[in-house]
Every structure is written in C-alpha cells, then in structure tokens.
PDB file of N, CA and C in Angstrom:
ATOM      1  N   UNK A   1      35.591  15.862  20.496  1.00  0.00           N
ATOM      2  CA  UNK A   1      35.364  15.177  19.243  1.00  0.00           C
ATOM      3  C   UNK A   1      34.093  14.331  19.371  1.00  0.00           C
ATOM      4  N   UNK A   2      33.281  14.332  18.345  1.00  0.00           N
ATOM      5  CA  UNK A   2      32.026  13.582  18.365  1.00  0.00           C
ATOM      6  C   UNK A   2      32.301  12.088  18.255  1.00  0.00           C
ATOM      7  N   UNK A   3      31.506  11.316  18.938  1.00  0.00           N
ATOM      8  CA  UNK A   3      31.687   9.868  18.862  1.00  0.00           C
ATOM      9  C   UNK A   3      31.208   9.359  17.510  1.00  0.00           C
ATOM     10  N   UNK A   4      31.768   8.273  17.079  1.00  0.00           N
ATOM     11  CA  UNK A   4      31.425   7.695  15.774  1.00  0.00           C
ATOM     12  C   UNK A   4      30.237   6.756  15.927  1.00  0.00           C
ATOM     13  N   UNK A   5      29.047   7.327  15.958  1.00  0.00           N
ATOM     14  CA  UNK A   5      27.829   6.525  16.098  1.00  0.00           C
ATOM     15  C   UNK A   5      27.048   6.628  14.800  1.00  0.00           C
ATOM     16  N   UNK A   6      27.383   5.788  13.869  1.00  0.00           N
ATOM     17  CA  UNK A   6      26.676   5.787  12.593  1.00  0.00           C
ATOM     18  C   UNK A   6      25.461   4.888  12.714  1.00  0.00           C
ATOM     19  N   UNK A   7      24.361   5.346  12.194  1.00  0.00           N
ATOM     20  CA  UNK A   7      23.141   4.543  12.216  1.00  0.00           C
ATOM     21  C   UNK A   7      22.956   3.909  10.855  1.00  0.00           C
ATOM     22  N   UNK A   8      22.549   2.690  10.870  1.00  0.00           N
ATOM     23  CA  UNK A   8      22.306   1.968   9.634  1.00  0.00           C
ATOM     24  C   UNK A   8      20.946   2.351   9.083  1.00  0.00           C
ATOM     25  N   UNK A   9      20.914   2.675   7.830  1.00  0.00           N
ATOM     26  CA  UNK A   9      19.639   2.969   7.178  1.00  0.00           C
ATOM     27  C   UNK A   9      18.957   1.669   6.822  1.00  0.00           C
ATOM     28  N   UNK A  10      17.656   1.659   6.990  1.00  0.00           N
ATOM     29  CA  UNK A  10      16.894   0.466   6.643  1.00  0.00           C
ATOM     30  C   UNK A  10      16.273   0.671   5.268  1.00  0.00           C
ATOM     31  N   UNK A  11      16.300  -0.366   4.471  1.00  0.00           N
ATOM     32  CA  UNK A  11      15.730  -0.330   3.132  1.00  0.00           C
ATOM     33  C   UNK A  11      14.213  -0.512   3.238  1.00  0.00           C
ATOM     34  N   UNK A  12      13.493   0.319   2.515  1.00  0.00           N
ATOM     35  CA  UNK A  12      12.029   0.195   2.466  1.00  0.00           C
ATOM     36  C   UNK A  12      11.685  -0.865   1.431  1.00  0.00           C
ATOM     37  N   UNK A  13      11.364  -2.054   1.896  1.00  0.00           N
ATOM     38  CA  UNK A  13      11.103  -3.180   0.999  1.00  0.00           C
ATOM     39  C   UNK A  13       9.693  -3.120   0.441  1.00  0.00           C
ATOM     40  N   UNK A  14       9.491  -3.810  -0.658  1.00  0.00           N
ATOM     41  CA  UNK A  14       8.156  -3.893  -1.262  1.00  0.00           C
ATOM     42  C   UNK A  14       7.194  -4.565  -0.282  1.00  0.00           C
ATOM     43  N   UNK A  15       7.688  -5.556   0.457  1.00  0.00           N
ATOM     44  CA  UNK A  15       6.856  -6.238   1.458  1.00  0.00           C
ATOM     45  C   UNK A  15       6.396  -5.241   2.530  1.00  0.00           C
ATOM     46  N   UNK A  16       7.294  -4.405   3.001  1.00  0.00           N
ATOM     47  CA  UNK A  16       6.938  -3.391   3.990  1.00  0.00           C
ATOM     48  C   UNK A  16       5.942  -2.387   3.446  1.00  0.00           C
ATOM     49  N   UNK A  17       6.135  -2.001   2.187  1.00  0.00           N
ATOM     50  CA  UNK A  17       5.197  -1.080   1.543  1.00  0.00           C
ATOM     51  C   UNK A  17       3.818  -1.725   1.422  1.00  0.00           C
ATOM     52  N   UNK A  18       3.788  -3.002   1.062  1.00  0.00           N
ATOM     53  CA  UNK A  18       2.511  -3.714   0.909  1.00  0.00           C
ATOM     54  C   UNK A  18       1.767  -3.782   2.240  1.00  0.00           C
ATOM     55  N   UNK A  19       2.478  -4.015   3.315  1.00  0.00           N
ATOM     56  CA  UNK A  19       1.849  -4.069   4.644  1.00  0.00           C
ATOM     57  C   UNK A  19       1.262  -2.707   5.002  1.00  0.00           C
ATOM     58  N   UNK A  20       2.012  -1.627   4.735  1.00  0.00           N
ATOM     59  CA  UNK A  20       1.498  -0.280   5.019  1.00  0.00           C
ATOM     60  C   UNK A  20       0.244   0.019   4.211  1.00  0.00           C
ATOM     61  N   UNK A  21       0.253  -0.358   2.935  1.00  0.00           N
ATOM     62  CA  UNK A  21      -0.911  -0.119   2.080  1.00  0.00           C
ATOM     63  C   UNK A  21      -2.096  -0.952   2.562  1.00  0.00           C
ATOM     64  N   UNK A  22      -1.865  -2.213   2.904  1.00  0.00           N
ATOM     65  CA  UNK A  22      -2.954  -3.068   3.390  1.00  0.00           C
ATOM     66  C   UNK A  22      -3.547  -2.515   4.681  1.00  0.00           C
ATOM     67  N   UNK A  23      -2.693  -2.071   5.598  1.00  0.00           N
ATOM     68  CA  UNK A  23      -3.180  -1.477   6.846  1.00  0.00           C
ATOM     69  C   UNK A  23      -4.034  -0.247   6.559  1.00  0.00           C
ATOM     70  N   UNK A  24      -3.583   0.584   5.632  1.00  0.00           N
ATOM     71  CA  UNK A  24      -4.324   1.796   5.275  1.00  0.00           C
ATOM     72  C   UNK A  24      -5.671   1.431   4.644  1.00  0.00           C
ATOM     73  N   UNK A  25      -5.657   0.471   3.712  1.00  0.00           N
ATOM     74  CA  UNK A  25      -6.897   0.106   3.022  1.00  0.00           C
ATOM     75  C   UNK A  25      -7.917  -0.541   3.955  1.00  0.00           C
ATOM     76  N   UNK A  26      -7.453  -1.205   5.007  1.00  0.00           N
ATOM     77  CA  UNK A  26      -8.390  -1.749   5.991  1.00  0.00           C
ATOM     78  C   UNK A  26      -9.144  -0.621   6.691  1.00  0.00           C
ATOM     79  N   UNK A  27      -8.461   0.475   6.952  1.00  0.00           N
ATOM     80  CA  UNK A  27      -9.077   1.612   7.643  1.00  0.00           C
ATOM     81  C   UNK A  27      -9.781   2.569   6.687  1.00  0.00           C
ATOM     82  N   UNK A  28      -9.363   2.590   5.402  1.00  0.00           N
ATOM     83  CA  UNK A  28      -9.912   3.533   4.425  1.00  0.00           C
ATOM     84  C   UNK A  28     -10.219   2.814   3.116  1.00  0.00           C
ATOM     85  N   UNK A  29     -11.248   1.952   3.104  1.00  0.00           N
ATOM     86  CA  UNK A  29     -11.569   1.242   1.858  1.00  0.00           C
ATOM     87  C   UNK A  29     -12.030   2.226   0.787  1.00  0.00           C
ATOM     88  N   UNK A  30     -11.918   1.813  -0.453  1.00  0.00           N
ATOM     89  CA  UNK A  30     -12.317   2.610  -1.616  1.00  0.00           C
ATOM     90  C   UNK A  30     -11.528   3.908  -1.717  1.00  0.00           C
ATOM     91  N   UNK A  31     -10.220   3.828  -1.472  1.00  0.00           N
ATOM     92  CA  UNK A  31      -9.329   4.970  -1.592  1.00  0.00           C
ATOM     93  C   UNK A  31      -8.743   5.043  -2.995  1.00  0.00           C
ATOM     94  N   UNK A  32      -8.417   6.243  -3.426  1.00  0.00           N
ATOM     95  CA  UNK A  32      -7.765   6.422  -4.720  1.00  0.00           C
ATOM     96  C   UNK A  32      -6.268   6.175  -4.566  1.00  0.00           C
ATOM     97  N   UNK A  33      -5.597   5.970  -5.687  1.00  0.00           N
ATOM     98  CA  UNK A  33      -4.154   5.760  -5.658  1.00  0.00           C
ATOM     99  C   UNK A  33      -3.450   6.978  -5.054  1.00  0.00           C
ATOM    100  N   UNK A  34      -3.934   8.154  -5.368  1.00  0.00           N
ATOM    101  CA  UNK A  34      -3.330   9.380  -4.836  1.00  0.00           C
ATOM    102  C   UNK A  34      -3.461   9.431  -3.318  1.00  0.00           C
ATOM    103  N   UNK A  35      -4.616   9.039  -2.786  1.00  0.00           N
ATOM    104  CA  UNK A  35      -4.829   9.028  -1.333  1.00  0.00           C
ATOM    105  C   UNK A  35      -3.926   8.003  -0.660  1.00  0.00           C
ATOM    106  N   UNK A  36      -3.832   6.814  -1.260  1.00  0.00           N
ATOM    107  CA  UNK A  36      -3.000   5.752  -0.688  1.00  0.00           C
ATOM    108  C   UNK A  36      -1.535   6.176  -0.680  1.00  0.00           C
ATOM    109  N   UNK A  37      -1.061   6.706  -1.801  1.00  0.00           N
ATOM    110  CA  UNK A  37       0.339   7.095  -1.893  1.00  0.00           C
ATOM    111  C   UNK A  37       0.677   8.223  -0.927  1.00  0.00           C
ATOM    112  N   UNK A  38      -0.235   9.175  -0.766  1.00  0.00           N
ATOM    113  CA  UNK A  38       0.009  10.276   0.168  1.00  0.00           C
ATOM    114  C   UNK A  38       0.125   9.770   1.605  1.00  0.00           C
ATOM    115  N   UNK A  39      -0.663   8.769   1.957  1.00  0.00           N
ATOM    116  CA  UNK A  39      -0.661   8.252   3.329  1.00  0.00           C
ATOM    117  C   UNK A  39       0.462   7.246   3.585  1.00  0.00           C
ATOM    118  N   UNK A  40       0.839   6.490   2.555  1.00  0.00           N
ATOM    119  CA  UNK A  40       1.765   5.372   2.766  1.00  0.00           C
ATOM    120  C   UNK A  40       3.173   5.608   2.241  1.00  0.00           C
ATOM    121  N   UNK A  41       3.390   6.651   1.459  1.00  0.00           N
ATOM    122  CA  UNK A  41       4.710   7.003   0.942  1.00  0.00           C
ATOM    123  C   UNK A  41       5.415   5.801   0.325  1.00  0.00           C
ATOM    124  N   UNK A  42       4.836   5.293  -0.755  1.00  0.00           N
ATOM    125  CA  UNK A  42       5.377   4.091  -1.386  1.00  0.00           C
ATOM    126  C   UNK A  42       6.349   4.367  -2.516  1.00  0.00           C
ATOM    127  N   UNK A  43       6.354   5.542  -3.036  1.00  0.00           N
ATOM    128  CA  UNK A  43       7.216   5.850  -4.178  1.00  0.00           C
ATOM    129  C   UNK A  43       6.469   5.656  -5.478  1.00  0.00           C
ATOM    130  N   UNK A  44       5.997   4.474  -5.754  1.00  0.00           N
ATOM    131  CA  UNK A  44       5.229   4.183  -6.973  1.00  0.00           C
ATOM    132  C   UNK A  44       4.052   3.282  -6.587  1.00  0.00           C
ATOM    133  N   UNK A  45       2.925   3.896  -6.286  1.00  0.00           N
ATOM    134  CA  UNK A  45       1.772   3.137  -5.770  1.00  0.00           C
ATOM    135  C   UNK A  45       1.237   2.134  -6.778  1.00  0.00           C
ATOM    136  N   UNK A  46       1.291   2.444  -8.076  1.00  0.00           N
ATOM    137  CA  UNK A  46       0.769   1.486  -9.061  1.00  0.00           C
ATOM    138  C   UNK A  46       1.588   0.203  -9.050  1.00  0.00           C
ATOM    139  N   UNK A  47       2.898   0.317  -8.868  1.00  0.00           N
ATOM    140  CA  UNK A  47       3.758  -0.868  -8.805  1.00  0.00           C
ATOM    141  C   UNK A  47       3.491  -1.665  -7.527  1.00  0.00           C
ATOM    142  N   UNK A  48       3.301  -0.965  -6.421  1.00  0.00           N
ATOM    143  CA  UNK A  48       3.019  -1.652  -5.153  1.00  0.00           C
ATOM    144  C   UNK A  48       1.694  -2.407  -5.251  1.00  0.00           C
ATOM    145  N   UNK A  49       0.657  -1.761  -5.766  1.00  0.00           N
ATOM    146  CA  UNK A  49      -0.648  -2.426  -5.892  1.00  0.00           C
ATOM    147  C   UNK A  49      -0.559  -3.634  -6.817  1.00  0.00           C
ATOM    148  N   UNK A  50       0.198  -3.516  -7.886  1.00  0.00           N
ATOM    149  CA  UNK A  50       0.387  -4.633  -8.804  1.00  0.00           C
ATOM    150  C   UNK A  50       1.111  -5.786  -8.123  1.00  0.00           C
ATOM    151  N   UNK A  51       2.181  -5.470  -7.398  1.00  0.00           N
ATOM    152  CA  UNK A  51       2.943  -6.514  -6.700  1.00  0.00           C
ATOM    153  C   UNK A  51       2.145  -7.141  -5.571  1.00  0.00           C
ATOM    154  N   UNK A  52       1.263  -6.378  -4.934  1.00  0.00           N
ATOM    155  CA  UNK A  52       0.459  -6.922  -3.836  1.00  0.00           C
ATOM    156  C   UNK A  52      -0.391  -8.084  -4.307  1.00  0.00           C
ATOM    157  N   UNK A  53      -0.922  -8.004  -5.505  1.00  0.00           N
ATOM    158  CA  UNK A  53      -1.723  -9.117  -6.043  1.00  0.00           C
ATOM    159  C   UNK A  53      -0.861 -10.375  -6.169  1.00  0.00           C
ATOM    160  N   UNK A  54       0.366 -10.191  -6.641  1.00  0.00           N
ATOM    161  CA  UNK A  54       1.282 -11.335  -6.780  1.00  0.00           C
ATOM    162  C   UNK A  54       1.696 -11.907  -5.424  1.00  0.00           C
ATOM    163  N   UNK A  55       1.688 -11.065  -4.401  1.00  0.00           N
ATOM    164  CA  UNK A  55       2.049 -11.502  -3.049  1.00  0.00           C
ATOM    165  C   UNK A  55       0.901 -12.217  -2.343  1.00  0.00           C
ATOM    166  N   UNK A  56      -0.280 -12.214  -2.947  1.00  0.00           N
ATOM    167  CA  UNK A  56      -1.415 -12.905  -2.352  1.00  0.00           C
ATOM    168  C   UNK A  56      -2.449 -12.011  -1.706  1.00  0.00           C
ATOM    169  N   UNK A  57      -2.277 -10.693  -1.794  1.00  0.00           N
ATOM    170  CA  UNK A  57      -3.289  -9.770  -1.271  1.00  0.00           C
ATOM    171  C   UNK A  57      -4.446  -9.693  -2.257  1.00  0.00           C
ATOM    172  N   UNK A  58      -5.638  -9.572  -1.729  1.00  0.00           N
ATOM    173  CA  UNK A  58      -6.811  -9.372  -2.573  1.00  0.00           C
ATOM    174  C   UNK A  58      -7.124  -7.887  -2.656  1.00  0.00           C
ATOM    175  N   UNK A  59      -7.098  -7.347  -3.860  1.00  0.00           N
ATOM    176  CA  UNK A  59      -7.378  -5.937  -4.079  1.00  0.00           C
ATOM    177  C   UNK A  59      -8.579  -5.822  -5.005  1.00  0.00           C
ATOM    178  N   UNK A  60      -9.626  -5.165  -4.519  1.00  0.00           N
ATOM    179  CA  UNK A  60     -10.824  -4.927  -5.327  1.00  0.00           C
ATOM    180  C   UNK A  60     -10.736  -3.536  -5.937  1.00  0.00           C
ATOM    181  N   UNK A  61     -10.969  -3.452  -7.252  1.00  0.00           N
ATOM    182  CA  UNK A  61     -10.940  -2.160  -7.938  1.00  0.00           C
ATOM    183  C   UNK A  61     -12.369  -1.718  -8.245  1.00  0.00           C
ATOM    184  N   UNK A  62     -12.592  -0.434  -8.117  1.00  0.00           N
ATOM    185  CA  UNK A  62     -13.894   0.151  -8.438  1.00  0.00           C
ATOM    186  C   UNK A  62     -13.641   1.570  -8.940  1.00  0.00           C
ATOM    187  N   UNK A  63     -14.683   2.362  -9.054  1.00  0.00           N
ATOM    188  CA  UNK A  63     -14.549   3.756  -9.491  1.00  0.00           C
ATOM    189  C   UNK A  63     -15.481   4.638  -8.671  1.00  0.00           C
ATOM    190  N   UNK A  64     -15.108   5.911  -8.549  1.00  0.00           N
ATOM    191  CA  UNK A  64     -15.981   6.904  -7.923  1.00  0.00           C
ATOM    192  C   UNK A  64     -15.663   8.275  -8.501  1.00  0.00           C
ATOM    193  N   UNK A  65     -16.587   9.189  -8.324  1.00  0.00           N
ATOM    194  CA  UNK A  65     -16.382  10.551  -8.776  1.00  0.00           C
ATOM    195  C   UNK A  65     -15.737  11.371  -7.667  1.00  0.00           C
ATOM    196  N   UNK A  66     -14.730  12.175  -8.025  1.00  0.00           N
ATOM    197  CA  UNK A  66     -14.094  13.086  -7.075  1.00  0.00           C
ATOM    198  C   UNK A  66     -14.071  14.470  -7.699  1.00  0.00           C
ATOM    199  N   UNK A  67     -14.199  15.503  -6.875  1.00  0.00           N
ATOM    200  CA  UNK A  67     -14.161  16.863  -7.423  1.00  0.00           C
ATOM    201  C   UNK A  67     -12.748  17.244  -7.860  1.00  0.00           C
ATOM    202  N   UNK A  68     -12.663  17.995  -8.943  1.00  0.00           N
ATOM    203  CA  UNK A  68     -11.380  18.524  -9.403  1.00  0.00           C
ATOM    204  C   UNK A  68     -11.001  19.716  -8.523  1.00  0.00           C
ATOM    205  N   UNK A  69      -9.837  20.296  -8.776  1.00  0.00           N
ATOM    206  CA  UNK A  69      -9.300  21.354  -7.922  1.00  0.00           C
ATOM    207  C   UNK A  69     -10.271  22.516  -7.722  1.00  0.00           C
ATOM    208  N   UNK A  70     -10.936  22.973  -8.765  1.00  0.00           N
ATOM    209  CA  UNK A  70     -11.859  24.102  -8.642  1.00  0.00           C
ATOM    210  C   UNK A  70     -13.153  23.736  -7.947  1.00  0.00           C
ATOM    211  N   UNK A  71     -13.505  22.465  -7.969  1.00  0.00           N
ATOM    212  CA  UNK A  71     -14.727  22.010  -7.321  1.00  0.00           C
ATOM    213  C   UNK A  71     -15.952  22.028  -8.203  1.00  0.00           C
ATOM    214  N   UNK A  72     -15.868  22.663  -9.377  1.00  0.00           N
ATOM    215  CA  UNK A  72     -17.018  22.740 -10.276  1.00  0.00           C
ATOM    216  C   UNK A  72     -17.165  21.501 -11.151  1.00  0.00           C
ATOM    217  N   UNK A  73     -16.071  20.802 -11.357  1.00  0.00           N
ATOM    218  CA  UNK A  73     -16.049  19.644 -12.250  1.00  0.00           C
ATOM    219  C   UNK A  73     -15.647  18.416 -11.448  1.00  0.00           C
ATOM    220  N   UNK A  74     -16.219  17.251 -11.796  1.00  0.00           N
ATOM    221  CA  UNK A  74     -15.818  16.002 -11.140  1.00  0.00           C
ATOM    222  C   UNK A  74     -15.100  15.112 -12.145  1.00  0.00           C
ATOM    223  N   UNK A  75     -14.356  14.190 -11.606  1.00  0.00           N
ATOM    224  CA  UNK A  75     -13.579  13.260 -12.403  1.00  0.00           C
ATOM    225  C   UNK A  75     -13.878  11.846 -11.917  1.00  0.00           C
ATOM    226  N   UNK A  76     -13.907  10.879 -12.820  1.00  0.00           N
ATOM    227  CA  UNK A  76     -14.126   9.472 -12.488  1.00  0.00           C
ATOM    228  C   UNK A  76     -12.767   8.837 -12.243  1.00  0.00           C
ATOM    229  N   UNK A  77     -12.489   8.388 -11.012  1.00  0.00           N
ATOM    230  CA  UNK A  77     -11.171   7.827 -10.685  1.00  0.00           C
ATOM    231  C   UNK A  77     -11.295   6.402 -10.157  1.00  0.00           C
ATOM    232  N   UNK A  78     -10.221   5.659 -10.315  1.00  0.00           N
ATOM    233  CA  UNK A  78     -10.139   4.278  -9.831  1.00  0.00           C
ATOM    234  C   UNK A  78      -9.977   4.294  -8.317  1.00  0.00           C
ATOM    235  N   UNK A  79     -10.649   3.365  -7.643  1.00  0.00           N
ATOM    236  CA  UNK A  79     -10.491   3.197  -6.200  1.00  0.00           C
ATOM    237  C   UNK A  79     -10.065   1.765  -5.901  1.00  0.00           C
ATOM    238  N   UNK A  80      -9.497   1.577  -4.725  1.00  0.00           N
ATOM    239  CA  UNK A  80      -8.980   0.271  -4.322  1.00  0.00           C
ATOM    240  C   UNK A  80      -9.465  -0.057  -2.913  1.00  0.00           C
ATOM    241  N   UNK A  81      -9.743  -1.336  -2.696  1.00  0.00           N
ATOM    242  CA  UNK A  81     -10.141  -1.820  -1.374  1.00  0.00           C
ATOM    243  C   UNK A  81      -9.452  -3.165  -1.139  1.00  0.00           C
ATOM    244  N   UNK A  82      -9.076  -3.411   0.095  1.00  0.00           N
ATOM    245  CA  UNK A  82      -8.446  -4.679   0.460  1.00  0.00           C
ATOM    246  C   UNK A  82      -9.537  -5.709   0.737  1.00  0.00           C
ATOM    247  N   UNK A  83      -9.482  -6.851   0.059  1.00  0.00           N
ATOM    248  CA  UNK A  83     -10.464  -7.911   0.309  1.00  0.00           C
ATOM    249  C   UNK A  83      -9.897  -8.989   1.237  1.00  0.00           C
ATOM    250  N   UNK A  84      -8.597  -9.246   1.132  1.00  0.00           N
ATOM    251  CA  UNK A  84      -7.960 -10.203   2.039  1.00  0.00           C
ATOM    252  C   UNK A  84      -6.449 -10.052   1.984  1.00  0.00           C
ATOM    253  N   UNK A  85      -5.813 -10.555   3.032  1.00  0.00           N
ATOM    254  CA  UNK A  85      -4.352 -10.606   3.101  1.00  0.00           C
ATOM    255  C   UNK A  85      -3.904 -12.006   2.676  1.00  0.00           C
ATOM    256  N   UNK A  86      -2.615 -12.169   2.395  1.00  0.00           N
ATOM    257  CA  UNK A  86      -2.136 -13.501   1.998  1.00  0.00           C
ATOM    258  C   UNK A  86      -2.330 -14.513   3.120  1.00  0.00           C
ATOM    259  N   UNK A  87      -2.555 -15.747   2.735  1.00  0.00           N
ATOM    260  CA  UNK A  87      -2.634 -16.830   3.720  1.00  0.00           C
ATOM    261  C   UNK A  87      -1.255 -17.013   4.327  1.00  0.00           C
ATOM    262  N   UNK A  88      -1.222 -17.266   5.624  1.00  0.00           N
ATOM    263  CA  UNK A  88       0.054 -17.510   6.315  1.00  0.00           C
ATOM    264  C   UNK A  88       0.622 -18.837   5.836  1.00  0.00           C
ATOM    265  N   UNK A  89       1.868 -18.815   5.449  1.00  0.00           N
ATOM    266  CA  UNK A  89       2.538 -20.025   5.000  1.00  0.00           C
ATOM    267  C   UNK A  89       3.260 -20.649   6.192  1.00  0.00           C
ATOM    268  N   UNK A  90       3.224 -21.982   6.330  1.00  0.00           N
ATOM    269  CA  UNK A  90       3.964 -22.609   7.430  1.00  0.00           C
ATOM    270  C   UNK A  90       5.460 -22.422   7.231  1.00  0.00           C
ATOM    271  N   UNK A  91       6.182 -22.295   8.340  1.00  0.00           N
ATOM    272  CA  UNK A  91       7.631 -22.174   8.283  1.00  0.00           C
ATOM    273  C   UNK A  91       8.221 -23.572   8.077  1.00  0.00           C
ATOM    274  N   UNK A  92       8.859 -23.780   6.928  1.00  0.00           N
ATOM    275  CA  UNK A  92       9.375 -25.102   6.588  1.00  0.00           C
ATOM    276  C   UNK A  92      10.663 -25.460   7.312  1.00  0.00           C
ATOM    277  N   UNK A  93      11.292 -24.464   7.933  1.00  0.00           N
ATOM    278  CA  UNK A  93      12.601 -24.719   8.551  1.00  0.00           C
ATOM    279  C   UNK A  93      12.557 -24.759  10.064  1.00  0.00           C
ATOM    280  N   UNK A  94      11.402 -24.539  10.642  1.00  0.00           N
ATOM    281  CA  UNK A  94      11.260 -24.622  12.092  1.00  0.00           C
ATOM    282  C   UNK A  94      10.656 -25.974  12.455  1.00  0.00           C
ATOM    283  N   UNK A  95      11.362 -26.765  13.272  1.00  0.00           N
ATOM    284  CA  UNK A  95      10.795 -28.070  13.647  1.00  0.00           C
ATOM    285  C   UNK A  95       9.518 -27.911  14.463  1.00  0.00           C
ATOM    286  N   UNK A  96       8.594 -28.779  14.220  1.00  0.00           N
ATOM    287  CA  UNK A  96       7.305 -28.717  14.917  1.00  0.00           C
ATOM    288  C   UNK A  96       7.397 -29.234  16.320  1.00  0.00           C
TER     289      UNK A  96
END
C-alpha cells in the first residue's frame, strides 16, 4: 500500500508574480506583455502590471514595432521596463 504523503500546493500570490515579472524586466527591458507573460506565467499580465504600480514598483511604458506572424507587416505594441522596485519598509514588529 502506498504511503499517505500528500504535498501541499502553494498558492501563486500576486506578490510572487510581481517579483517574477520584476526579475524578468531587469534582464529583458522593453518587453511586450506577451513576452513577459510567456516567461513569467502570470495568468493575467495586465492585472499584474497594474498591481505592481500599486505595490510600489516603477514601470515605464513605451512602444516599439514588432513583426506580425507572416513577417511582411509590423505592428506597434506597448513595451514595459522596470525603473525601480518598492522601497524596503522597516519591520514594525521586530524589536531593534
């Protein structure tokens, strides 16, 4: 009989998603939402990018041309770059 070793699933939090996106943007500035989502698997990249601003991340938006599937036509798409991470907040519950 197999032993009862159940593993607990971890929830992918918005904070965790934001960290993954910030790490990616540091290495790949001026990425499109499609590129970020493919690399970071966030579920809804527009929501993550929106929430990142509220969390204190600096996100710079710009535009660039990318080729369409056939390669004959280009499209103007939004790009994102990380300008800064949130300032570290002091821990109010840890005695100094």
